[in-house]
Amino acid sequence: MSVFAYVSGHGFGHWTRSQPVLASCGLAVHVRTNMRALRLARRAEWAQSLAKVDTGPGVVQRGPLDVDPAATLHALEAHVASWPGLIEAEVAAARAAGCRLVYADAPPVACLIARALGVPALVVANFSWSWIYAHLRDGAPALRALAQRCRDAEALADDALHLPGGGGLSHLAPGRARACALWQPAT
């Protein structure tokens, strides 16, 4: 059995969280990521394969705490427009590798790929990208519409682990998702 693991490339947190889970799952893992996470993923000797795949833009930032909503909108529009071709290519690659599960932390497109492939999608996340996009300040109607498309894709998750420290997860596998407390603050 093999797993196609789609890890958001925005920042290092998604990869840092997913790497130990994927490394210890005991299955053939085909890693799909981009941007910053790609640099870290190249060190994953346990990965069956690694491919640079457009897992989404995250948010475009002018600095560590300064999000650019207009640039994010532009990047997200391009990403969502690429979904049909991306899904087709990923389904072909996943079928060739005998994929039986899609793991997502937490690109919305991963759930669309799983659905097209006919395998379960497991989302592990502390927030959803749709939640981030819907709440960007100065959010244009176009950004809210794209956020809804992402939310619709995320809602296709078959199961989910909701991690602490974020939000926007209620639509991910409702009734099946489990809260996962990886860290408890000191009292």
N, C-alpha and C. Protein backbone atom coordinates (compact mmCIF):
# COMPACT_ATOMS: atom_id res chain seq x y z
N MET A 1 0.85 -1.18 0.00
CA MET A 1 0.00 0.00 0.00
C MET A 1 0.89 1.23 0.00
N SER A 2 0.50 2.20 -0.80
CA SER A 2 1.26 3.44 -0.79
C SER A 2 0.35 4.62 -0.47
N VAL A 3 0.98 5.67 0.03
CA VAL A 3 0.31 6.89 0.43
C VAL A 3 0.88 8.04 -0.39
N PHE A 4 0.02 8.88 -0.90
CA PHE A 4 0.46 10.13 -1.50
C PHE A 4 0.22 11.20 -0.45
N ALA A 5 1.29 11.87 -0.04
CA ALA A 5 1.24 12.85 1.05
C ALA A 5 1.42 14.24 0.48
N TYR A 6 0.36 15.04 0.56
CA TYR A 6 0.38 16.41 0.08
C TYR A 6 0.57 17.33 1.28
N VAL A 7 1.71 18.01 1.30
CA VAL A 7 2.06 18.86 2.43
C VAL A 7 2.21 20.29 1.95
N SER A 8 1.48 21.19 2.58
CA SER A 8 1.57 22.60 2.22
C SER A 8 3.02 23.05 2.32
N GLY A 9 3.47 23.76 1.31
CA GLY A 9 4.85 24.24 1.29
C GLY A 9 5.03 25.61 1.91
N HIS A 10 3.95 26.23 2.35
CA HIS A 10 4.03 27.56 2.95
C HIS A 10 4.62 27.43 4.36
N GLY A 11 5.78 27.98 4.55
CA GLY A 11 6.44 27.89 5.86
C GLY A 11 7.05 26.52 6.07
N PHE A 12 7.46 26.27 7.29
CA PHE A 12 8.08 24.99 7.63
C PHE A 12 7.21 24.13 8.54
N GLY A 13 6.18 24.71 9.13
CA GLY A 13 5.38 24.02 10.13
C GLY A 13 4.65 22.79 9.63
N HIS A 14 4.08 22.86 8.45
CA HIS A 14 3.34 21.70 7.92
C HIS A 14 4.28 20.52 7.75
N TRP A 15 5.45 20.77 7.17
CA TRP A 15 6.41 19.68 6.98
C TRP A 15 6.94 19.18 8.31
N THR A 16 7.28 20.09 9.21
CA THR A 16 7.83 19.71 10.51
C THR A 16 6.86 18.82 11.27
N ARG A 17 5.58 19.09 11.15
CA ARG A 17 4.57 18.29 11.83
C ARG A 17 4.35 16.96 11.11
N SER A 18 4.32 16.98 9.79
CA SER A 18 3.99 15.78 9.02
C SER A 18 5.14 14.79 8.91
N GLN A 19 6.35 15.28 8.88
CA GLN A 19 7.52 14.42 8.66
C GLN A 19 7.58 13.24 9.62
N PRO A 20 7.47 13.43 10.94
CA PRO A 20 7.57 12.25 11.82
C PRO A 20 6.41 11.27 11.66
N VAL A 21 5.24 11.78 11.34
CA VAL A 21 4.08 10.91 11.12
C VAL A 21 4.32 10.05 9.88
N LEU A 22 4.72 10.69 8.81
CA LEU A 22 4.92 9.97 7.55
C LEU A 22 6.12 9.03 7.62
N ALA A 23 7.17 9.45 8.30
CA ALA A 23 8.38 8.62 8.40
C ALA A 23 8.12 7.34 9.19
N SER A 24 7.18 7.38 10.10
CA SER A 24 6.94 6.21 10.96
C SER A 24 5.71 5.41 10.59
N CYS A 25 5.04 5.75 9.50
CA CYS A 25 3.77 5.07 9.18
C CYS A 25 3.98 3.66 8.63
N GLY A 26 5.18 3.32 8.21
CA GLY A 26 5.45 1.97 7.74
C GLY A 26 4.92 1.67 6.35
N LEU A 27 4.59 2.68 5.60
CA LEU A 27 4.07 2.51 4.25
C LEU A 27 4.98 3.21 3.25
N ALA A 28 4.82 2.89 2.00
CA ALA A 28 5.55 3.60 0.94
C ALA A 28 4.89 4.97 0.79
N VAL A 29 5.64 6.03 1.09
CA VAL A 29 5.09 7.38 1.07
C VAL A 29 5.69 8.15 -0.10
N HIS A 30 4.82 8.70 -0.92
CA HIS A 30 5.20 9.55 -2.04
C HIS A 30 4.87 10.98 -1.64
N VAL A 31 5.90 11.78 -1.40
CA VAL A 31 5.73 13.14 -0.89
C VAL A 31 5.51 14.11 -2.05
N ARG A 32 4.52 14.96 -1.88
CA ARG A 32 4.19 16.01 -2.85
C ARG A 32 4.15 17.32 -2.09
N THR A 33 5.03 18.24 -2.44
CA THR A 33 5.07 19.54 -1.76
C THR A 33 5.73 20.57 -2.66
N ASN A 34 5.86 21.78 -2.15
CA ASN A 34 6.48 22.86 -2.91
C ASN A 34 7.07 23.90 -1.95
N MET A 35 7.55 24.96 -2.49
CA MET A 35 8.08 26.11 -1.77
C MET A 35 9.05 25.70 -0.66
N ARG A 36 8.90 26.31 0.51
CA ARG A 36 9.87 26.10 1.59
C ARG A 36 9.96 24.65 2.05
N ALA A 37 8.84 23.97 2.11
CA ALA A 37 8.84 22.59 2.59
C ALA A 37 9.64 21.67 1.68
N LEU A 38 9.76 22.02 0.42
CA LEU A 38 10.49 21.18 -0.53
C LEU A 38 11.94 21.02 -0.11
N ARG A 39 12.54 22.08 0.40
CA ARG A 39 13.94 22.00 0.85
C ARG A 39 14.10 20.98 1.97
N LEU A 40 13.16 20.96 2.90
CA LEU A 40 13.23 20.01 4.00
C LEU A 40 12.89 18.59 3.53
N ALA A 41 11.92 18.48 2.66
CA ALA A 41 11.49 17.17 2.18
C ALA A 41 12.61 16.45 1.43
N ARG A 42 13.51 17.19 0.83
CA ARG A 42 14.62 16.56 0.10
C ARG A 42 15.53 15.74 1.02
N ARG A 43 15.44 15.97 2.31
CA ARG A 43 16.23 15.22 3.29
C ARG A 43 15.53 13.95 3.76
N ALA A 44 14.33 13.71 3.32
CA ALA A 44 13.52 12.58 3.79
C ALA A 44 13.94 11.30 3.09
N GLU A 45 14.95 10.66 3.61
CA GLU A 45 15.47 9.43 3.01
C GLU A 45 14.45 8.30 3.03
N TRP A 46 13.46 8.38 3.91
CA TRP A 46 12.43 7.36 4.03
C TRP A 46 11.39 7.46 2.91
N ALA A 47 11.31 8.61 2.23
CA ALA A 47 10.28 8.80 1.21
C ALA A 47 10.54 7.91 0.00
N GLN A 48 9.51 7.25 -0.47
CA GLN A 48 9.60 6.43 -1.68
C GLN A 48 9.91 7.31 -2.89
N SER A 49 9.28 8.49 -2.91
CA SER A 49 9.54 9.46 -3.97
C SER A 49 9.20 10.85 -3.44
N LEU A 50 9.71 11.85 -4.14
CA LEU A 50 9.45 13.24 -3.81
C LEU A 50 9.21 13.98 -5.11
N ALA A 51 8.12 14.74 -5.16
CA ALA A 51 7.83 15.52 -6.35
C ALA A 51 7.43 16.93 -5.95
N LYS A 52 7.92 17.87 -6.72
CA LYS A 52 7.49 19.25 -6.55
C LYS A 52 6.14 19.39 -7.23
N VAL A 53 5.12 19.64 -6.41
CA VAL A 53 3.74 19.73 -6.88
C VAL A 53 3.15 21.01 -6.30
N ASP A 54 2.34 21.69 -7.08
CA ASP A 54 1.69 22.91 -6.61
C ASP A 54 0.63 22.56 -5.58
N THR A 55 1.00 22.61 -4.32
CA THR A 55 0.05 22.33 -3.24
C THR A 55 -0.66 23.60 -2.77
N GLY A 56 -0.43 24.69 -3.47
CA GLY A 56 -1.10 25.94 -3.14
C GLY A 56 -0.13 27.00 -2.70
N PRO A 57 -0.56 28.26 -2.78
CA PRO A 57 0.34 29.36 -2.48
C PRO A 57 0.43 29.72 -1.01
N GLY A 58 -0.42 29.14 -0.17
CA GLY A 58 -0.48 29.65 1.20
C GLY A 58 -0.92 31.10 1.12
N VAL A 59 -0.21 31.96 1.80
CA VAL A 59 -0.45 33.40 1.67
C VAL A 59 0.84 34.05 1.20
N VAL A 60 0.71 35.10 0.41
CA VAL A 60 1.87 35.86 -0.04
C VAL A 60 2.15 36.91 1.01
N GLN A 61 3.40 36.97 1.44
CA GLN A 61 3.76 37.88 2.51
C GLN A 61 4.84 38.86 2.06
N ARG A 62 4.71 40.09 2.56
CA ARG A 62 5.74 41.11 2.34
C ARG A 62 6.81 41.01 3.42
N GLY A 63 6.49 40.37 4.50
CA GLY A 63 7.38 40.17 5.63
C GLY A 63 6.79 39.10 6.52
N PRO A 64 7.46 38.77 7.63
CA PRO A 64 7.01 37.65 8.47
C PRO A 64 5.57 37.78 8.99
N LEU A 65 5.11 39.00 9.22
CA LEU A 65 3.77 39.20 9.76
C LEU A 65 2.91 40.10 8.89
N ASP A 66 3.27 40.24 7.63
CA ASP A 66 2.59 41.18 6.74
C ASP A 66 2.10 40.46 5.48
N VAL A 67 0.82 40.06 5.51
CA VAL A 67 0.22 39.35 4.39
C VAL A 67 -0.23 40.36 3.33
N ASP A 68 -0.03 40.00 2.08
CA ASP A 68 -0.46 40.83 0.95
C ASP A 68 -1.72 40.19 0.35
N PRO A 69 -2.92 40.69 0.72
CA PRO A 69 -4.16 40.06 0.22
C PRO A 69 -4.28 40.08 -1.30
N ALA A 70 -3.88 41.17 -1.95
CA ALA A 70 -4.01 41.24 -3.42
C ALA A 70 -3.11 40.22 -4.10
N ALA A 71 -1.88 40.10 -3.64
CA ALA A 71 -0.96 39.11 -4.22
C ALA A 71 -1.41 37.70 -3.89
N THR A 72 -1.97 37.51 -2.70
CA THR A 72 -2.51 36.20 -2.34
C THR A 72 -3.66 35.82 -3.26
N LEU A 73 -4.55 36.78 -3.52
CA LEU A 73 -5.66 36.54 -4.44
C LEU A 73 -5.13 36.11 -5.81
N HIS A 74 -4.17 36.83 -6.34
CA HIS A 74 -3.60 36.51 -7.65
C HIS A 74 -3.00 35.10 -7.66
N ALA A 75 -2.23 34.77 -6.64
CA ALA A 75 -1.59 33.45 -6.57
C ALA A 75 -2.63 32.34 -6.41
N LEU A 76 -3.65 32.60 -5.60
CA LEU A 76 -4.68 31.60 -5.39
C LEU A 76 -5.52 31.39 -6.65
N GLU A 77 -5.80 32.46 -7.37
CA GLU A 77 -6.53 32.32 -8.64
C GLU A 77 -5.77 31.41 -9.60
N ALA A 78 -4.47 31.63 -9.72
CA ALA A 78 -3.65 30.80 -10.61
C ALA A 78 -3.64 29.34 -10.15
N HIS A 79 -3.53 29.14 -8.84
CA HIS A 79 -3.50 27.78 -8.30
C HIS A 79 -4.82 27.05 -8.58
N VAL A 80 -5.95 27.68 -8.26
CA VAL A 80 -7.25 27.04 -8.46
C VAL A 80 -7.50 26.79 -9.95
N ALA A 81 -7.07 27.70 -10.81
CA ALA A 81 -7.22 27.50 -12.26
C ALA A 81 -6.44 26.28 -12.74
N SER A 82 -5.37 25.92 -12.02
CA SER A 82 -4.54 24.77 -12.41
C SER A 82 -5.11 23.44 -11.92
N TRP A 83 -6.13 23.46 -11.10
CA TRP A 83 -6.64 22.22 -10.51
C TRP A 83 -6.98 21.14 -11.51
N PRO A 84 -7.69 21.38 -12.58
CA PRO A 84 -8.04 20.25 -13.48
C PRO A 84 -6.81 19.50 -14.00
N GLY A 85 -5.83 20.20 -14.50
CA GLY A 85 -4.62 19.53 -15.00
C GLY A 85 -3.81 18.89 -13.89
N LEU A 86 -3.73 19.56 -12.76
CA LEU A 86 -2.99 19.03 -11.61
C LEU A 86 -3.63 17.74 -11.12
N ILE A 87 -4.94 17.75 -10.99
CA ILE A 87 -5.65 16.55 -10.52
C ILE A 87 -5.45 15.40 -11.50
N GLU A 88 -5.56 15.67 -12.77
CA GLU A 88 -5.37 14.62 -13.78
C GLU A 88 -3.97 14.01 -13.69
N ALA A 89 -2.96 14.85 -13.59
CA ALA A 89 -1.57 14.37 -13.51
C ALA A 89 -1.33 13.59 -12.22
N GLU A 90 -1.85 14.08 -11.10
CA GLU A 90 -1.63 13.41 -9.82
C GLU A 90 -2.38 12.09 -9.73
N VAL A 91 -3.57 12.03 -10.27
CA VAL A 91 -4.31 10.77 -10.27
C VAL A 91 -3.55 9.72 -11.08
N ALA A 92 -3.00 10.11 -12.22
CA ALA A 92 -2.23 9.17 -13.03
C ALA A 92 -1.00 8.68 -12.26
N ALA A 93 -0.29 9.58 -11.62
CA ALA A 93 0.91 9.20 -10.85
C ALA A 93 0.53 8.31 -9.67
N ALA A 94 -0.55 8.66 -8.98
CA ALA A 94 -0.97 7.88 -7.82
C ALA A 94 -1.43 6.48 -8.22
N ARG A 95 -2.14 6.38 -9.32
CA ARG A 95 -2.57 5.05 -9.79
C ARG A 95 -1.36 4.19 -10.14
N ALA A 96 -0.40 4.79 -10.82
CA ALA A 96 0.81 4.04 -11.20
C ALA A 96 1.58 3.54 -9.98
N ALA A 97 1.50 4.28 -8.88
CA ALA A 97 2.22 3.90 -7.66
C ALA A 97 1.39 3.04 -6.71
N GLY A 98 0.15 2.73 -7.08
CA GLY A 98 -0.70 1.91 -6.22
C GLY A 98 -1.18 2.64 -4.98
N CYS A 99 -1.43 3.91 -5.09
CA CYS A 99 -1.88 4.72 -3.95
C CYS A 99 -3.22 4.22 -3.43
N ARG A 100 -3.30 4.08 -2.09
CA ARG A 100 -4.54 3.67 -1.44
C ARG A 100 -5.03 4.67 -0.42
N LEU A 101 -4.25 5.76 -0.19
CA LEU A 101 -4.63 6.78 0.80
C LEU A 101 -3.96 8.09 0.41
N VAL A 102 -4.69 9.19 0.57
CA VAL A 102 -4.12 10.52 0.41
C VAL A 102 -4.07 11.16 1.79
N TYR A 103 -2.89 11.61 2.16
CA TYR A 103 -2.65 12.34 3.40
C TYR A 103 -2.51 13.81 3.03
N ALA A 104 -3.15 14.69 3.79
CA ALA A 104 -3.07 16.12 3.48
C ALA A 104 -2.82 16.94 4.73
N ASP A 105 -1.82 17.78 4.67
CA ASP A 105 -1.54 18.78 5.71
C ASP A 105 -1.28 20.09 5.01
N ALA A 106 -2.24 20.80 4.65
CA ALA A 106 -3.63 20.51 4.41
C ALA A 106 -4.08 21.22 3.14
N PRO A 107 -3.40 20.95 2.01
CA PRO A 107 -3.83 21.58 0.76
C PRO A 107 -5.22 21.11 0.33
N PRO A 108 -6.15 22.02 0.04
CA PRO A 108 -7.48 21.61 -0.38
C PRO A 108 -7.48 20.69 -1.61
N VAL A 109 -6.57 20.92 -2.54
CA VAL A 109 -6.53 20.13 -3.76
C VAL A 109 -6.30 18.65 -3.47
N ALA A 110 -5.67 18.32 -2.36
CA ALA A 110 -5.41 16.92 -2.02
C ALA A 110 -6.71 16.14 -1.88
N CYS A 111 -7.74 16.76 -1.33
CA CYS A 111 -9.02 16.07 -1.18
C CYS A 111 -9.69 15.85 -2.54
N LEU A 112 -9.51 16.79 -3.45
CA LEU A 112 -10.04 16.60 -4.81
C LEU A 112 -9.30 15.47 -5.52
N ILE A 113 -8.01 15.37 -5.32
CA ILE A 113 -7.22 14.29 -5.91
C ILE A 113 -7.69 12.94 -5.37
N ALA A 114 -7.87 12.86 -4.05
CA ALA A 114 -8.34 11.61 -3.44
C ALA A 114 -9.69 11.21 -3.99
N ARG A 115 -10.59 12.17 -4.12
CA ARG A 115 -11.94 11.87 -4.62
C ARG A 115 -11.86 11.35 -6.06
N ALA A 116 -11.06 12.00 -6.89
CA ALA A 116 -10.92 11.58 -8.29
C ALA A 116 -10.26 10.20 -8.39
N LEU A 117 -9.39 9.92 -7.45
CA LEU A 117 -8.67 8.65 -7.42
C LEU A 117 -9.53 7.52 -6.84
N GLY A 118 -10.51 7.90 -6.01
CA GLY A 118 -11.37 6.91 -5.37
C GLY A 118 -10.76 6.29 -4.13
N VAL A 119 -9.91 7.05 -3.43
CA VAL A 119 -9.30 6.58 -2.19
C VAL A 119 -9.63 7.58 -1.08
N PRO A 120 -9.50 7.16 0.18
CA PRO A 120 -9.78 8.08 1.28
C PRO A 120 -8.75 9.21 1.38
N ALA A 121 -9.25 10.35 1.88
CA ALA A 121 -8.39 11.49 2.17
C ALA A 121 -8.39 11.72 3.68
N LEU A 122 -7.20 11.70 4.27
CA LEU A 122 -7.01 12.00 5.68
C LEU A 122 -6.36 13.37 5.79
N VAL A 123 -7.02 14.31 6.46
CA VAL A 123 -6.48 15.64 6.66
C VAL A 123 -5.99 15.76 8.10
N VAL A 124 -4.77 16.24 8.26
CA VAL A 124 -4.20 16.53 9.56
C VAL A 124 -3.89 18.02 9.56
N ALA A 125 -4.55 18.78 10.45
CA ALA A 125 -4.38 20.23 10.38
C ALA A 125 -4.78 20.91 11.68
N ASN A 126 -4.22 22.09 11.87
CA ASN A 126 -4.68 22.94 12.96
C ASN A 126 -5.48 24.13 12.42
N PHE A 127 -5.49 24.30 11.10
CA PHE A 127 -6.34 25.30 10.46
C PHE A 127 -6.57 24.86 9.03
N SER A 128 -7.59 25.44 8.43
CA SER A 128 -7.84 25.17 7.01
C SER A 128 -7.45 26.40 6.22
N TRP A 129 -6.98 26.17 5.00
CA TRP A 129 -6.63 27.31 4.14
C TRP A 129 -7.87 28.12 3.80
N SER A 130 -9.01 27.47 3.67
CA SER A 130 -10.23 28.22 3.37
C SER A 130 -10.53 29.23 4.47
N TRP A 131 -10.29 28.87 5.70
CA TRP A 131 -10.51 29.75 6.85
C TRP A 131 -9.56 30.94 6.79
N ILE A 132 -8.31 30.68 6.45
CA ILE A 132 -7.33 31.76 6.33
C ILE A 132 -7.77 32.73 5.23
N TYR A 133 -8.08 32.19 4.06
CA TYR A 133 -8.45 33.05 2.92
C TYR A 133 -9.73 33.85 3.20
N ALA A 134 -10.70 33.23 3.85
CA ALA A 134 -11.97 33.90 4.11
C ALA A 134 -11.81 35.05 5.10
N HIS A 135 -10.75 35.02 5.89
CA HIS A 135 -10.58 36.03 6.94
C HIS A 135 -9.44 37.01 6.68
N LEU A 136 -8.89 36.99 5.48
CA LEU A 136 -7.86 37.98 5.18
C LEU A 136 -8.49 39.37 5.20
N ARG A 137 -7.80 40.30 5.80
CA ARG A 137 -8.34 41.67 5.84
C ARG A 137 -8.42 42.20 4.42
N ASP A 138 -9.35 43.06 4.21
CA ASP A 138 -9.59 43.62 2.88
C ASP A 138 -9.94 42.54 1.87
N GLY A 139 -10.52 41.44 2.35
CA GLY A 139 -10.85 40.33 1.45
C GLY A 139 -11.83 40.75 0.37
N ALA A 140 -11.43 40.66 -0.84
CA ALA A 140 -12.28 41.00 -1.97
C ALA A 140 -13.30 39.89 -2.18
N PRO A 141 -14.43 40.20 -2.83
CA PRO A 141 -15.41 39.13 -3.13
C PRO A 141 -14.77 37.96 -3.88
N ALA A 142 -13.83 38.24 -4.74
CA ALA A 142 -13.17 37.15 -5.49
C ALA A 142 -12.39 36.24 -4.54
N LEU A 143 -11.77 36.82 -3.52
CA LEU A 143 -11.02 36.01 -2.55
C LEU A 143 -11.99 35.17 -1.72
N ARG A 144 -13.11 35.74 -1.34
CA ARG A 144 -14.10 34.97 -0.58
C ARG A 144 -14.66 33.81 -1.43
N ALA A 145 -14.85 34.05 -2.72
CA ALA A 145 -15.35 32.99 -3.61
C ALA A 145 -14.32 31.86 -3.74
N LEU A 146 -13.04 32.21 -3.83
CA LEU A 146 -11.99 31.19 -3.89
C LEU A 146 -11.88 30.44 -2.56
N ALA A 147 -12.07 31.17 -1.46
CA ALA A 147 -12.06 30.53 -0.14
C ALA A 147 -13.17 29.48 -0.07
N GLN A 148 -14.34 29.79 -0.64
CA GLN A 148 -15.44 28.83 -0.65
C GLN A 148 -15.10 27.62 -1.50
N ARG A 149 -14.44 27.82 -2.62
CA ARG A 149 -14.03 26.68 -3.46
C ARG A 149 -13.06 25.79 -2.69
N CYS A 150 -12.14 26.41 -1.95
CA CYS A 150 -11.21 25.63 -1.12
C CYS A 150 -11.97 24.88 -0.03
N ARG A 151 -12.93 25.55 0.60
CA ARG A 151 -13.73 24.92 1.65
C ARG A 151 -14.49 23.72 1.09
N ASP A 152 -15.07 23.87 -0.09
CA ASP A 152 -15.80 22.77 -0.71
C ASP A 152 -14.87 21.58 -0.97
N ALA A 153 -13.66 21.87 -1.40
CA ALA A 153 -12.68 20.79 -1.63
C ALA A 153 -12.29 20.13 -0.31
N GLU A 154 -12.01 20.94 0.70
CA GLU A 154 -11.62 20.40 2.01
C GLU A 154 -12.72 19.52 2.61
N ALA A 155 -13.96 19.90 2.35
CA ALA A 155 -15.11 19.16 2.91
C ALA A 155 -15.20 17.74 2.37
N LEU A 156 -14.43 17.42 1.35
CA LEU A 156 -14.42 16.06 0.81
C LEU A 156 -13.55 15.11 1.63
N ALA A 157 -12.88 15.62 2.66
CA ALA A 157 -12.04 14.76 3.50
C ALA A 157 -12.86 13.63 4.09
N ASP A 158 -12.30 12.44 4.07
CA ASP A 158 -12.97 11.28 4.65
C ASP A 158 -12.74 11.16 6.14
N ASP A 159 -11.62 11.69 6.60
CA ASP A 159 -11.29 11.65 8.02
C ASP A 159 -10.35 12.81 8.30
N ALA A 160 -10.27 13.20 9.57
CA ALA A 160 -9.41 14.33 9.91
C ALA A 160 -8.96 14.24 11.35
N LEU A 161 -7.76 14.71 11.57
CA LEU A 161 -7.26 14.96 12.92
C LEU A 161 -7.19 16.46 13.08
N HIS A 162 -7.96 16.99 14.00
CA HIS A 162 -7.98 18.43 14.27
C HIS A 162 -6.97 18.72 15.37
N LEU A 163 -5.90 19.41 15.00
CA LEU A 163 -4.85 19.73 15.94
C LEU A 163 -5.15 21.07 16.62
N PRO A 164 -4.63 21.30 17.81
CA PRO A 164 -4.91 22.56 18.51
C PRO A 164 -4.16 23.73 17.90
N GLY A 165 -4.66 24.94 18.19
CA GLY A 165 -3.92 26.14 17.84
C GLY A 165 -4.33 26.80 16.55
N GLY A 166 -5.56 26.67 16.14
CA GLY A 166 -5.98 27.28 14.89
C GLY A 166 -7.47 27.40 14.82
N GLY A 167 -8.03 27.09 13.65
CA GLY A 167 -9.47 27.17 13.48
C GLY A 167 -9.91 26.79 12.09
N GLY A 168 -11.20 26.90 11.87
CA GLY A 168 -11.75 26.65 10.56
C GLY A 168 -11.75 25.20 10.14
N LEU A 169 -11.96 24.29 11.09
CA LEU A 169 -11.89 22.86 10.78
C LEU A 169 -13.23 22.14 10.85
N SER A 170 -14.28 22.84 11.22
CA SER A 170 -15.56 22.17 11.48
C SER A 170 -16.12 21.43 10.27
N HIS A 171 -15.76 21.83 9.07
CA HIS A 171 -16.28 21.19 7.86
C HIS A 171 -15.44 19.99 7.43
N LEU A 172 -14.33 19.73 8.11
CA LEU A 172 -13.46 18.61 7.76
C LEU A 172 -13.93 17.34 8.47
N ALA A 173 -14.52 16.46 7.72
CA ALA A 173 -14.98 15.16 8.21
C ALA A 173 -15.84 15.29 9.47
N PRO A 174 -16.90 16.13 9.43
CA PRO A 174 -17.73 16.27 10.62
C PRO A 174 -18.31 14.94 11.05
N GLY A 175 -18.30 14.69 12.33
CA GLY A 175 -18.80 13.43 12.87
C GLY A 175 -17.77 12.32 12.87
N ARG A 176 -16.70 12.49 12.11
CA ARG A 176 -15.65 11.47 12.07
C ARG A 176 -14.32 12.01 12.59
N ALA A 177 -14.14 13.31 12.52
CA ALA A 177 -12.86 13.90 12.91
C ALA A 177 -12.64 13.75 14.41
N ARG A 178 -11.38 13.72 14.75
CA ARG A 178 -11.01 13.61 16.15
C ARG A 178 -10.09 14.78 16.51
N ALA A 179 -10.31 15.32 17.68
CA ALA A 179 -9.38 16.33 18.19
C ALA A 179 -8.13 15.60 18.65
N CYS A 180 -7.02 16.17 18.40
CA CYS A 180 -5.75 15.54 18.74
C CYS A 180 -4.92 16.55 19.52
N ALA A 181 -4.72 16.31 20.79
CA ALA A 181 -3.95 17.20 21.64
C ALA A 181 -2.50 16.72 21.67
N LEU A 182 -1.68 17.33 20.85
CA LEU A 182 -0.27 16.97 20.81
C LEU A 182 0.53 17.72 21.87
N TRP A 183 -0.05 18.81 22.34
CA TRP A 183 0.66 19.65 23.30
C TRP A 183 -0.34 20.22 24.26
N GLN A 184 -0.03 20.17 25.52
CA GLN A 184 -0.88 20.76 26.54
C GLN A 184 -0.09 21.87 27.24
N PRO A 185 -0.66 23.06 27.32
CA PRO A 185 0.05 24.14 27.99
C PRO A 185 0.24 23.85 29.47
N ALA A 186 1.34 24.34 29.99
CA ALA A 186 1.61 24.18 31.43
C ALA A 186 0.60 24.99 32.22
N THR A 187 0.16 24.44 33.33
CA THR A 187 -0.80 25.17 34.17
C THR A 187 -0.14 25.70 35.41
